[in-house]
C-alpha atoms as a PDB file:
ATOM      1  CA  MET A   1     -48.245-202.619 191.768  1.00  0.00           C
ATOM      2  CA  THR A   2     -47.182-200.649 194.847  1.00  0.00           C
ATOM      3  CA  SER A   3     -49.370-197.808 196.366  1.00  0.00           C
ATOM      4  CA  LYS A   4     -46.285-195.982 197.824  1.00  0.00           C
ATOM      5  CA  GLY A   5     -46.348-192.414 197.023  1.00  0.00           C
ATOM      6  CA  ARG A   6     -49.633-192.554 195.829  1.00  0.00           C
ATOM      7  CA  LEU A   7     -52.569-190.595 196.683  1.00  0.00           C
ATOM      8  CA  ALA A   8     -55.573-192.691 198.015  1.00  0.00           C
ATOM      9  CA  ARG A   9     -59.275-192.105 197.390  1.00  0.00           C
ATOM     10  CA  LEU A  10     -61.553-192.692 200.566  1.00  0.00           C
ATOM     11  CA  HIS A  11     -64.953-192.654 201.372  1.00  0.00           C
ATOM     12  CA  TYR A  12     -65.346-191.300 204.778  1.00  0.00           C
ATOM     13  CA  LEU A  13     -67.616-192.905 207.298  1.00  0.00           C
ATOM     14  CA  PRO A  14     -68.493-192.152 211.094  1.00  0.00           C
ATOM     15  CA  GLY A  15     -65.412-193.528 212.865  1.00  0.00           C
ATOM     16  CA  SER A  16     -64.034-195.198 209.615  1.00  0.00           C
ATOM     17  CA  PHE A  17     -63.115-194.875 206.045  1.00  0.00           C
ATOM     18  CA  ARG A  18     -63.477-197.158 202.942  1.00  0.00           C
ATOM     19  CA  VAL A  19     -60.465-197.251 200.426  1.00  0.00           C
ATOM     20  CA  LEU A  20     -62.040-196.289 196.859  1.00  0.00           C
ATOM     21  CA  SER A  21     -58.409-196.200 195.379  1.00  0.00           C
ATOM     22  CA  HIS A  22     -55.473-197.520 197.039  1.00  0.00           C
ATOM     23  CA  GLY A  23     -52.733-195.043 197.795  1.00  0.00           C
ATOM     24  CA  ASP A  24     -50.513-194.639 201.085  1.00  0.00           C
ATOM     25  CA  HIS A  25     -51.750-190.863 201.787  1.00  0.00           C
ATOM     26  CA  VAL A  26     -54.679-188.416 201.320  1.00  0.00           C
ATOM     27  CA  LEU A  27     -54.511-184.582 201.217  1.00  0.00           C
ATOM     28  CA  CYS A  28     -55.415-182.326 203.946  1.00  0.00           C
ATOM     29  CA  ALA A  29     -58.580-180.329 202.754  1.00  0.00           C
ATOM     30  CA  VAL A  30     -57.334-177.067 204.379  1.00  0.00           C
ATOM     31  CA  THR A  31     -53.609-177.133 204.539  1.00  0.00           C
ATOM     32  CA  ARG A  32     -53.009-179.250 201.488  1.00  0.00           C
ATOM     33  CA  GLN A  33     -50.576-181.413 203.520  1.00  0.00           C
ATOM     34  CA  PRO A  34     -50.063-184.983 202.617  1.00  0.00           C
ATOM     35  CA  ILE A  35     -51.376-187.311 205.355  1.00  0.00           C
ATOM     36  CA  PRO A  36     -50.256-191.063 205.707  1.00  0.00           C
ATOM     37  CA  LEU A  37     -53.426-193.032 205.952  1.00  0.00           C
ATOM     38  CA  ALA A  38     -51.865-194.880 209.339  1.00  0.00           C
ATOM     39  CA  ASP A  39     -51.996-191.051 210.720  1.00  0.00           C
ATOM     40  CA  LEU A  40     -55.288-190.219 209.573  1.00  0.00           C
ATOM     41  CA  LYS A  41     -57.257-189.133 212.571  1.00  0.00           C
ATOM     42  CA  TYR A  42     -59.681-186.151 211.381  1.00  0.00           C
ATOM     43  CA  TRP A  43     -62.262-186.129 208.730  1.00  0.00           C
ATOM     44  CA  SER A  44     -65.681-184.929 207.745  1.00  0.00           C
ATOM     45  CA  VAL A  45     -68.528-187.318 206.820  1.00  0.00           C
ATOM     46  CA  GLU A  46     -70.626-184.561 205.606  1.00  0.00           C
ATOM     47  CA  ARG A  47     -67.906-182.811 203.353  1.00  0.00           C
ATOM     48  CA  GLN A  48     -65.942-186.007 202.520  1.00  0.00           C
ATOM     49  CA  GLU A  49     -62.798-184.237 203.359  1.00  0.00           C
ATOM     50  CA  ALA A  50     -59.416-185.037 205.397  1.00  0.00           C
ATOM     51  CA  TYR A  51     -57.797-182.835 207.884  1.00  0.00           C
ATOM     52  CA  ALA A  52     -54.042-183.056 208.947  1.00  0.00           C
ATOM     53  CA  SER A  53     -54.964-181.806 212.612  1.00  0.00           C
ATOM     54  CA  ALA A  54     -57.722-180.948 214.736  1.00  0.00           C
ATOM     55  CA  GLU A  55     -56.990-177.335 214.189  1.00  0.00           C
ATOM     56  CA  ALA A  56     -57.529-177.832 210.523  1.00  0.00           C
ATOM     57  CA  SER A  57     -60.770-179.511 211.075  1.00  0.00           C
ATOM     58  CA  LEU A  58     -61.925-176.537 213.037  1.00  0.00           C
ATOM     59  CA  ARG A  59     -60.736-173.867 210.357  1.00  0.00           C
ATOM     60  CA  ALA A  60     -62.929-175.960 207.819  1.00  0.00           C
ATOM     61  CA  GLU A  61     -65.957-175.728 210.019  1.00  0.00           C
ATOM     62  CA  GLY A  62     -65.280-171.753 210.022  1.00  0.00           C
ATOM     63  CA  LYS A  63     -64.560-171.626 213.869  1.00  0.00           C
END
């Protein structure tokens, strides 16, 4: 079974994340842009959301 092209489900932790369902990407909560897991750098532990960029993270914070 391959995870290529599949959406992953993650549990976001401070400084890391745990894979709940294997895949190769997640979606940005703000832009809905796919984010390859290897490129995932921004997320919210509190909201359990991933972000494609620092700007998207700030938009989610309402700033």
